[in-house]
Amino acid sequence: MNLTNLKSLFAAHNCDEILVKDLAANDNSKNQVYFGGNFEIINTLPVSKIETVSPGDWKRERFKASIDFSWINDEGKIFNAPKAQLILYPKYPEVRFSGFLQGCKDAPSKLMANRIPNRLLFISVTGEGKILGYVASPESQLAAEFKQQKELKDQGIFKVIELPQAANNRNVLLSELSRIHKLGWIDSKRLDSDSNVLPCNAPNCGGYTLEAELGVTPNGYSEPDFMGWEVKQFGVKKFDRIGSSVITLMTPEPTDGLYKTKGAEYFVRQYGYDDKLGRPDRMNFGGVHRVNEKHKTTNLEMKLIGFDIESGKIRSSSGRIALLDDKENETASWSYSSMLLHWNRKHDKACYVPSLSEKSPTRKYMYGDNVILGTGTDFQLFLQQMALGNIYYDPGIKLENISTKPKMKKRSQFRIKSKYLPSLYKKNEIVNVTIA
């Protein structure tokens, strides 16, 4: 195996980049492989599930993240490692790679079960969301060739080798947004799952219209939208005021609390209120709920349980965002494990695009030339902004036809003002797409 062949193997599986770690002697199957002092790596590696593991008598509190990992051997054949997983220790915090030899038919046991310094671990993500890995000995031709590589960028503790098909993803995105900006007013539309263009008449069609222009079909999974970028539209009054808008970051349903155990209808009947516009037979649950502030209408208070505000770190794997009533009942909550899974992967590379809208005579949108790019995030940054009150819960939940056939509409929203977006990313840019 040499560097050219390895890059070709990864490229053949539609990988965009290769992460390379110089392994310490302690990076082995017994001690696990250290993947960084924060949760940044799960921005890059697809995780299918995150489980909370309570601490035992001797084990530390942690999350277990399921991944689809396989080893590549010297002939380029692929062998699945069914027990591979990421272990997230919130109290440090740190991430370690574990279980990567168990149950694998042709695992690199000699290199990964022993204390050998300066091995090189190469990992990458395929176009189908699978993770491939290869390990090289310190004396190998591959290791010697890698040492000659110059000006590789860093991603946490990894060096990054960009593969040709990924090098222009950012440029392609900006070029497409420039084209869309120059179209001027665009009729409101959306794509169905078969890429057919359909009219869109709802107030939230700005995002659908932009996705339709980019050729992005609706998806129900937490993956970036366009060439590795999550693209989010937000409405503005003027294109030169992109810092004054409210952006919905994500819309996860509660994972626990009375909302989950007794149902959304019970929750609204118990904590909601009559429709403020006087629409009959209807109750709502809405309003801005910030951490450590009791909401005047719902009388619920949002808390960050298991999060240390001073250090900005999750201290408990059972931690959660919770809405509490006056009796400290947990009316609704979102586990950090579920929020972590959604946030990091989907928001690692995010592009926020401002838009103007017209409703008459038909609904239309125009998209701005200055966009906000954010790269490199961590869910703990999200929680820090919640603790400061900059991110808040702003649901739009309604229960109609209460006395006859109750009809429920669920929408749990976590929102932020656009001026606070830079606090969520390690690198931030405002880019004019017409000159980028």
Protein backbone atom coordinates (compact mmCIF):
# COMPACT_ATOMS: atom_id res chain seq x y z
CA MET A 1 0.00 0.00 0.00
CA ASN A 2 1.28 3.46 -0.88
CA LEU A 3 -0.27 6.89 -0.53
CA THR A 4 -1.41 7.11 -4.17
CA ASN A 5 -3.18 3.73 -3.98
CA LEU A 6 -4.80 4.55 -0.64
CA LYS A 7 -6.11 7.89 -1.91
CA SER A 8 -7.48 6.13 -4.99
CA LEU A 9 -9.25 3.54 -2.84
CA PHE A 10 -10.91 6.19 -0.73
CA ALA A 11 -11.82 8.27 -3.79
CA ALA A 12 -13.40 5.20 -5.44
CA HIS A 13 -15.81 5.06 -2.50
CA ASN A 14 -16.78 8.74 -2.97
CA CYS A 15 -14.84 9.95 0.04
CA ASP A 16 -14.15 13.68 0.24
CA GLU A 17 -11.19 13.74 2.61
CA ILE A 18 -8.92 11.51 4.69
CA LEU A 19 -8.28 12.13 8.38
CA VAL A 20 -4.83 11.01 9.55
CA LYS A 21 -3.76 10.46 13.16
CA ASP A 22 -0.22 9.76 14.34
CA LEU A 23 -0.95 7.06 16.92
CA ALA A 24 0.75 7.09 20.31
CA ALA A 25 1.81 3.81 21.93
CA ASN A 26 -1.23 4.04 24.17
CA ASP A 27 -3.58 4.23 21.17
CA ASN A 28 -4.49 0.54 20.99
CA SER A 29 -7.39 -1.86 21.43
CA LYS A 30 -6.85 -2.18 25.18
CA ASN A 31 -6.65 1.52 25.99
CA GLN A 32 -8.86 2.77 23.12
CA VAL A 33 -7.69 5.32 20.56
CA TYR A 34 -7.84 8.98 21.59
CA PHE A 35 -9.89 11.03 19.11
CA GLY A 36 -9.77 14.46 20.76
CA GLY A 37 -10.49 16.60 23.80
CA ASN A 38 -13.97 17.63 22.64
CA PHE A 39 -16.85 16.17 20.62
CA GLU A 40 -15.70 17.70 17.32
CA ILE A 41 -14.94 14.36 15.63
CA ILE A 42 -18.64 13.45 15.46
CA ASN A 43 -19.09 16.48 13.22
CA THR A 44 -17.24 14.44 10.62
CA LEU A 45 -17.92 10.77 11.37
CA PRO A 46 -21.55 9.67 10.83
CA VAL A 47 -23.13 8.37 14.02
CA SER A 48 -26.33 6.33 13.81
CA LYS A 49 -27.21 6.33 17.51
CA ILE A 50 -25.94 7.79 20.78
CA GLU A 51 -26.73 5.95 24.01
CA THR A 52 -26.37 7.20 27.55
CA VAL A 53 -24.39 4.85 29.80
CA SER A 54 -24.75 5.37 33.53
CA PRO A 55 -21.56 5.00 35.55
CA GLY A 56 -21.05 1.72 37.38
CA ASP A 57 -18.93 1.09 40.43
CA TRP A 58 -15.72 1.58 38.47
CA LYS A 59 -16.69 2.83 35.03
CA ARG A 60 -16.86 6.47 34.09
CA GLU A 61 -19.98 8.27 32.92
CA ARG A 62 -20.11 8.25 29.12
CA PHE A 63 -22.05 8.19 25.86
CA LYS A 64 -21.69 5.34 23.37
CA ALA A 65 -21.98 6.34 19.71
CA SER A 66 -22.71 3.66 17.11
CA ILE A 67 -20.80 3.86 13.82
CA ASP A 68 -20.55 1.76 10.65
CA PHE A 69 -16.79 1.12 10.48
CA SER A 70 -14.71 -1.21 8.27
CA TRP A 71 -10.99 -1.84 7.79
CA ILE A 72 -9.27 -1.80 4.40
CA ASN A 73 -6.48 -4.39 4.00
CA ASP A 74 -3.37 -4.17 1.82
CA GLU A 75 -5.25 -5.65 -1.17
CA GLY A 76 -7.96 -3.02 -0.90
CA LYS A 77 -10.59 -5.44 0.41
CA ILE A 78 -13.05 -4.20 3.03
CA PHE A 79 -13.86 -6.00 6.29
CA ASN A 80 -16.59 -4.77 8.62
CA ALA A 81 -15.78 -4.22 12.31
CA PRO A 82 -19.26 -4.70 13.84
CA LYS A 83 -18.32 -3.72 17.39
CA ALA A 84 -16.57 -0.45 16.53
CA GLN A 85 -17.92 2.57 18.36
CA LEU A 86 -17.02 6.00 19.70
CA ILE A 87 -17.00 6.54 23.46
CA LEU A 88 -17.73 10.13 24.54
CA TYR A 89 -16.65 11.04 28.06
CA PRO A 90 -18.47 14.28 28.98
CA LYS A 91 -16.58 15.14 32.17
CA TYR A 92 -13.20 15.62 30.47
CA PRO A 93 -14.49 15.93 27.71
CA GLU A 94 -12.89 13.53 25.25
CA VAL A 95 -13.75 10.97 22.57
CA ARG A 96 -12.15 7.55 22.17
CA PHE A 97 -12.41 4.92 19.44
CA SER A 98 -13.22 1.44 20.74
CA GLY A 99 -14.17 -2.12 19.70
CA PHE A 100 -12.52 -1.82 16.29
CA LEU A 101 -10.92 -5.32 16.29
CA GLN A 102 -13.79 -7.36 17.74
CA GLY A 103 -15.61 -9.56 15.26
CA CYS A 104 -13.61 -8.31 12.26
CA LYS A 105 -12.36 -11.14 9.98
CA ASP A 106 -9.20 -9.39 8.81
CA ALA A 107 -8.52 -6.69 11.40
CA PRO A 108 -4.99 -5.19 11.69
CA SER A 109 -4.54 -6.79 15.11
CA LYS A 110 -0.74 -6.81 15.12
CA LEU A 111 -0.65 -3.04 14.71
CA MET A 112 -3.70 -2.08 16.75
CA ALA A 113 -3.46 -4.46 19.72
CA ASN A 114 0.10 -3.53 20.69
CA ARG A 115 1.93 -0.51 22.06
CA ILE A 116 3.65 0.77 18.91
CA PRO A 117 4.30 4.51 18.59
CA ASN A 118 4.07 6.45 15.30
CA ARG A 119 1.67 4.17 13.45
CA LEU A 120 -0.60 6.14 11.14
CA LEU A 121 -4.38 5.74 11.19
CA PHE A 122 -6.17 6.85 8.01
CA ILE A 123 -9.98 7.14 8.18
CA SER A 124 -12.56 8.54 5.78
CA VAL A 125 -16.31 8.63 5.17
CA THR A 126 -17.83 7.16 2.01
CA GLY A 127 -20.61 8.74 0.01
CA GLU A 128 -23.00 6.26 1.69
CA GLY A 129 -22.00 7.34 5.21
CA LYS A 130 -19.77 4.35 6.01
CA ILE A 131 -16.40 4.86 7.70
CA LEU A 132 -13.29 3.19 6.25
CA GLY A 133 -9.98 2.83 8.06
CA TYR A 134 -6.43 1.76 7.27
CA VAL A 135 -3.42 1.64 9.59
CA ALA A 136 0.22 1.84 8.47
CA SER A 137 3.29 0.76 10.40
CA PRO A 138 5.96 3.39 11.19
CA GLU A 139 8.44 1.68 8.80
CA SER A 140 6.04 1.45 5.84
CA GLN A 141 6.38 3.19 2.49
CA LEU A 142 3.01 4.84 3.18
CA ALA A 143 4.27 6.37 6.44
CA ALA A 144 7.39 7.68 4.70
CA GLU A 145 5.32 9.23 1.91
CA PHE A 146 2.91 10.84 4.35
CA LYS A 147 5.78 12.54 6.20
CA GLN A 148 6.65 14.32 2.94
CA GLN A 149 3.19 15.91 2.67
CA LYS A 150 3.28 19.69 3.11
CA GLU A 151 0.68 22.25 4.21
CA LEU A 152 -1.99 19.80 5.35
CA LYS A 153 -4.74 21.49 7.32
CA ASP A 154 -5.57 20.46 10.87
CA GLN A 155 -8.93 19.20 12.09
CA GLY A 156 -8.70 18.70 15.83
CA ILE A 157 -5.92 16.17 16.42
CA PHE A 158 -6.04 14.98 12.79
CA LYS A 159 -4.27 16.06 9.65
CA VAL A 160 -6.54 16.28 6.60
CA ILE A 161 -5.81 15.10 3.07
CA GLU A 162 -8.41 16.58 0.72
CA LEU A 163 -9.39 14.36 -2.20
CA PRO A 164 -9.98 16.00 -5.60
CA GLN A 165 -13.77 15.79 -5.65
CA ALA A 166 -14.07 17.69 -2.35
CA ALA A 167 -11.64 20.52 -3.04
CA ASN A 168 -14.23 22.66 -4.82
CA ASN A 169 -17.36 21.92 -2.76
CA ARG A 170 -17.27 25.35 -1.11
CA ASN A 171 -16.70 27.07 -4.45
CA VAL A 172 -19.55 25.15 -6.09
CA LEU A 173 -21.91 26.16 -3.27
CA LEU A 174 -20.96 29.83 -3.52
CA SER A 175 -21.24 29.73 -7.31
CA GLU A 176 -24.74 28.28 -7.08
CA LEU A 177 -25.79 30.89 -4.52
CA SER A 178 -24.42 33.61 -6.81
CA ARG A 179 -26.50 32.24 -9.68
CA ILE A 180 -29.62 32.14 -7.48
CA HIS A 181 -29.02 35.70 -6.25
CA LYS A 182 -28.80 36.95 -9.84
CA LEU A 183 -32.16 35.35 -10.71
CA GLY A 184 -33.91 38.03 -8.66
CA TRP A 185 -37.47 37.18 -7.64
CA ILE A 186 -38.23 33.44 -7.78
CA ASP A 187 -41.72 31.94 -7.63
CA SER A 188 -42.28 29.98 -4.41
CA LYS A 189 -41.83 26.25 -4.98
CA ARG A 190 -40.64 22.98 -3.52
CA LEU A 191 -39.41 19.60 -4.71
CA ASP A 192 -41.08 16.32 -3.86
CA SER A 193 -39.08 13.18 -3.16
CA ASP A 194 -38.92 12.44 -6.91
CA SER A 195 -37.53 15.93 -7.70
CA ASN A 196 -40.77 17.13 -9.26
CA VAL A 197 -41.29 20.91 -8.88
CA LEU A 198 -44.49 21.77 -6.99
CA PRO A 199 -45.99 25.11 -5.93
CA CYS A 200 -45.46 26.14 -2.31
CA ASN A 201 -47.85 28.55 -0.62
CA ALA A 202 -46.98 28.34 3.08
CA PRO A 203 -45.13 31.06 5.04
CA ASN A 204 -42.09 28.78 5.45
CA CYS A 205 -41.51 28.23 1.72
CA GLY A 206 -38.33 30.33 1.61
CA GLY A 207 -36.23 27.33 2.58
CA TYR A 208 -38.06 24.98 0.23
CA THR A 209 -37.63 27.40 -2.68
CA LEU A 210 -33.88 27.72 -2.08
CA GLU A 211 -33.53 23.93 -1.77
CA ALA A 212 -35.46 23.49 -5.01
CA GLU A 213 -33.05 25.81 -6.83
CA LEU A 214 -30.13 23.83 -5.40
CA GLY A 215 -31.76 20.55 -6.41
CA VAL A 216 -32.08 19.35 -2.81
CA THR A 217 -34.97 16.96 -2.27
CA PRO A 218 -36.63 16.70 1.17
CA ASN A 219 -34.88 14.30 3.52
CA GLY A 220 -35.84 12.97 6.90
CA TYR A 221 -32.34 12.24 8.13
CA SER A 222 -29.74 14.40 9.79
CA GLU A 223 -27.27 14.85 6.96
CA PRO A 224 -26.04 18.08 5.35
CA ASP A 225 -28.06 19.33 2.39
CA PHE A 226 -25.68 20.33 -0.42
CA MET A 227 -22.19 18.91 -1.04
CA GLY A 228 -21.49 18.55 2.67
CA TRP A 229 -23.03 21.92 3.63
CA GLU A 230 -26.18 22.51 5.64
CA VAL A 231 -27.94 25.39 3.87
CA LYS A 232 -30.47 27.42 5.86
CA GLN A 233 -32.50 30.35 4.62
CA PHE A 234 -33.65 33.16 6.90
CA GLY A 235 -35.93 36.10 6.18
CA VAL A 236 -34.73 39.69 6.47
CA LYS A 237 -36.26 43.13 5.89
CA LYS A 238 -33.19 44.35 4.01
CA PHE A 239 -30.12 42.53 2.71
CA ASP A 240 -27.79 44.88 4.60
CA ARG A 241 -29.32 43.81 7.94
CA ILE A 242 -28.42 40.13 8.11
CA GLY A 243 -27.57 40.30 11.83
CA SER A 244 -31.07 41.14 13.03
CA SER A 245 -33.11 38.08 12.06
CA VAL A 246 -34.31 35.06 14.01
CA ILE A 247 -33.20 31.66 12.72
CA THR A 248 -34.66 28.27 13.60
CA LEU A 249 -31.69 26.00 14.27
CA MET A 250 -33.54 22.72 14.73
CA THR A 251 -36.96 21.30 15.57
CA PRO A 252 -36.49 18.14 17.70
CA GLU A 253 -39.41 16.60 19.55
CA PRO A 254 -38.96 16.04 23.31
CA THR A 255 -37.44 12.69 24.26
CA ASP A 256 -38.89 12.53 27.78
CA GLY A 257 -41.08 14.31 30.32
CA LEU A 258 -44.87 14.40 30.49
CA TYR A 259 -45.00 15.50 26.85
CA LYS A 260 -43.52 12.10 25.97
CA THR A 261 -45.05 9.84 28.63
CA LYS A 262 -48.60 11.23 28.63
CA GLY A 263 -48.64 12.71 25.14
CA ALA A 264 -48.60 16.11 23.48
CA GLU A 265 -52.36 16.60 23.90
CA TYR A 266 -52.11 16.16 27.68
CA PHE A 267 -49.17 18.57 27.70
CA VAL A 268 -51.09 21.31 25.88
CA ARG A 269 -54.25 20.85 27.95
CA GLN A 270 -52.18 21.03 31.15
CA TYR A 271 -49.75 23.85 30.31
CA GLY A 272 -51.16 25.56 27.25
CA TYR A 273 -53.61 28.47 26.99
CA ASP A 274 -56.67 29.52 25.02
CA ASP A 275 -55.92 30.91 21.60
CA LYS A 276 -55.00 34.60 22.02
CA LEU A 277 -56.73 35.62 18.80
CA GLY A 278 -60.00 34.20 20.09
CA ARG A 279 -60.21 31.30 17.63
CA PRO A 280 -62.73 28.93 19.23
CA ASP A 281 -62.10 25.38 20.41
CA ARG A 282 -58.34 25.81 20.26
CA MET A 283 -55.42 25.85 22.73
CA ASN A 284 -51.82 26.83 22.03
CA PHE A 285 -48.45 26.32 23.62
CA GLY A 286 -45.89 28.88 22.50
CA GLY A 287 -43.70 31.78 23.49
CA VAL A 288 -40.01 32.34 24.07
CA HIS A 289 -38.68 30.12 26.88
CA ARG A 290 -35.16 30.98 28.04
CA VAL A 291 -32.96 29.17 30.54
CA ASN A 292 -33.62 30.13 34.18
CA GLU A 293 -36.57 32.38 33.29
CA LYS A 294 -40.16 31.48 34.17
CA HIS A 295 -42.47 32.11 31.23
CA LYS A 296 -45.32 34.45 32.20
CA THR A 297 -48.01 32.57 30.25
CA THR A 298 -47.06 28.89 30.57
CA ASN A 299 -45.41 29.24 34.03
CA LEU A 300 -42.70 26.81 32.91
CA GLU A 301 -38.99 27.32 33.40
CA MET A 302 -36.24 25.91 31.21
CA LYS A 303 -33.21 24.30 32.88
CA LEU A 304 -29.95 22.82 31.64
CA ILE A 305 -29.54 19.71 33.77
CA GLY A 306 -26.03 18.24 33.94
CA PHE A 307 -24.36 21.18 32.17
CA ASP A 308 -21.71 23.26 33.95
CA ILE A 309 -22.18 26.84 32.78
CA GLU A 310 -18.83 28.08 34.15
CA SER A 311 -16.70 25.51 32.29
CA GLY A 312 -19.07 25.20 29.34
CA LYS A 313 -19.02 21.39 29.61
CA ILE A 314 -21.54 18.60 29.91
CA ARG A 315 -20.96 16.99 33.30
CA SER A 316 -23.55 14.21 33.18
CA SER A 317 -24.31 11.70 30.43
CA SER A 318 -27.95 11.71 31.59
CA GLY A 319 -28.08 15.51 31.20
CA ARG A 320 -30.92 17.18 29.36
CA ILE A 321 -32.72 20.39 28.46
CA ALA A 322 -35.84 20.38 30.62
CA LEU A 323 -39.02 22.42 31.07
CA LEU A 324 -40.12 22.36 34.71
CA ASP A 325 -43.39 23.46 36.27
CA ASP A 326 -43.89 25.04 39.70
CA LYS A 327 -43.77 21.61 41.37
CA GLU A 328 -40.50 20.73 39.59
CA ASN A 329 -42.30 18.22 37.37
CA GLU A 330 -40.39 17.63 34.15
CA THR A 331 -43.04 18.55 31.61
CA ALA A 332 -40.82 18.06 28.54
CA SER A 333 -37.14 17.32 28.07
CA TRP A 334 -34.55 16.73 25.38
CA SER A 335 -31.63 14.43 26.26
CA TYR A 336 -28.19 15.75 25.45
CA SER A 337 -27.46 12.47 23.65
CA SER A 338 -30.33 13.01 21.18
CA MET A 339 -29.52 16.69 20.65
CA LEU A 340 -25.82 15.92 20.26
CA LEU A 341 -26.56 13.40 17.52
CA HIS A 342 -28.63 15.87 15.52
CA TRP A 343 -26.56 19.00 16.00
CA ASN A 344 -22.96 18.05 15.33
CA ARG A 345 -23.33 16.08 12.12
CA LYS A 346 -25.84 18.40 10.48
CA HIS A 347 -24.21 21.69 11.45
CA ASP A 348 -20.48 21.08 11.02
CA LYS A 349 -20.48 23.14 7.80
CA ALA A 350 -23.40 25.54 7.68
CA CYS A 351 -24.38 28.28 5.25
CA TYR A 352 -27.04 30.83 6.20
CA VAL A 353 -28.67 32.66 3.28
CA PRO A 354 -30.81 35.82 3.77
CA SER A 355 -34.01 36.23 1.78
CA LEU A 356 -36.67 38.81 0.99
CA SER A 357 -40.26 37.71 0.39
CA GLU A 358 -43.39 38.94 -1.38
CA LYS A 359 -46.88 37.56 -0.78
CA SER A 360 -48.85 39.43 -3.44
CA PRO A 361 -49.92 38.84 -6.12
CA THR A 362 -48.10 35.49 -5.68
CA ARG A 363 -45.56 34.31 -3.13
CA LYS A 364 -41.96 34.97 -4.29
CA TYR A 365 -38.46 35.02 -2.79
CA MET A 366 -35.20 36.78 -3.53
CA TYR A 367 -31.88 35.63 -2.01
CA GLY A 368 -29.08 37.89 -0.86
CA ASP A 369 -25.48 38.15 -2.06
CA ASN A 370 -23.92 38.17 1.44
CA VAL A 371 -24.13 34.79 3.18
CA ILE A 372 -22.88 33.59 6.56
CA LEU A 373 -20.57 30.55 6.60
CA GLY A 374 -19.81 28.69 9.82
CA THR A 375 -17.51 25.67 10.14
CA GLY A 376 -16.47 23.56 13.10
CA THR A 377 -19.04 23.28 15.86
CA ASP A 378 -19.61 21.45 19.10
CA PHE A 379 -22.92 20.84 20.87
CA GLN A 380 -21.44 22.31 24.04
CA LEU A 381 -21.22 25.66 22.18
CA PHE A 382 -24.97 25.31 21.57
CA LEU A 383 -25.58 24.76 25.29
CA GLN A 384 -23.37 27.74 26.19
CA GLN A 385 -25.54 29.98 24.04
CA MET A 386 -28.66 28.52 25.65
CA ALA A 387 -27.22 29.29 29.09
CA LEU A 388 -26.68 32.90 28.00
CA GLY A 389 -30.25 33.16 26.69
CA ASN A 390 -29.15 33.64 23.08
CA ILE A 391 -30.69 30.33 22.00
CA TYR A 392 -34.22 29.77 23.26
CA TYR A 393 -37.14 27.39 22.93
CA ASP A 394 -39.94 28.97 20.88
CA PRO A 395 -42.56 26.30 20.09
CA GLY A 396 -45.57 26.61 17.85
CA ILE A 397 -47.81 23.85 19.20
CA LYS A 398 -51.57 23.94 18.80
CA LEU A 399 -54.54 21.74 19.67
CA GLU A 400 -57.63 22.35 17.52
CA ASN A 401 -61.19 20.95 17.62
CA ILE A 402 -60.76 20.31 21.33
CA SER A 403 -64.40 19.43 22.07
CA THR A 404 -64.98 17.22 19.01
CA LYS A 405 -62.05 15.51 17.29
CA PRO A 406 -58.86 17.00 18.73
CA LYS A 407 -56.24 17.70 16.10
CA MET A 408 -52.63 18.19 17.21
CA LYS A 409 -49.92 20.20 15.45
CA LYS A 410 -46.45 19.73 16.94
CA ARG A 411 -43.56 22.09 16.37
CA SER A 412 -40.75 22.40 18.91
CA GLN A 413 -38.24 25.05 17.77
CA PHE A 414 -34.86 26.10 19.09
CA ARG A 415 -34.05 29.55 17.70
CA ILE A 416 -31.30 32.17 17.72
CA LYS A 417 -30.81 35.74 16.48
CA SER A 418 -28.49 35.75 13.50
CA LYS A 419 -26.01 38.10 15.21
CA TYR A 420 -25.15 35.30 17.67
CA LEU A 421 -24.38 32.69 14.98
CA PRO A 422 -20.59 33.27 15.19
CA SER A 423 -20.65 31.94 18.76
CA LEU A 424 -21.69 28.51 17.48
CA TYR A 425 -18.76 28.00 15.10
CA LYS A 426 -15.00 28.00 15.40
CA LYS A 427 -14.62 29.72 12.03
CA ASN A 428 -17.06 32.33 10.73
CA GLU A 429 -17.20 34.30 7.48
CA ILE A 430 -19.55 36.69 5.74
CA VAL A 431 -18.99 36.03 2.05
CA ASN A 432 -20.24 38.00 -0.94
CA VAL A 433 -21.17 35.24 -3.36
CA THR A 434 -20.90 37.49 -6.43
CA ILE A 435 -17.17 38.08 -5.90
CA ALA A 436 -16.11 34.92 -3.99
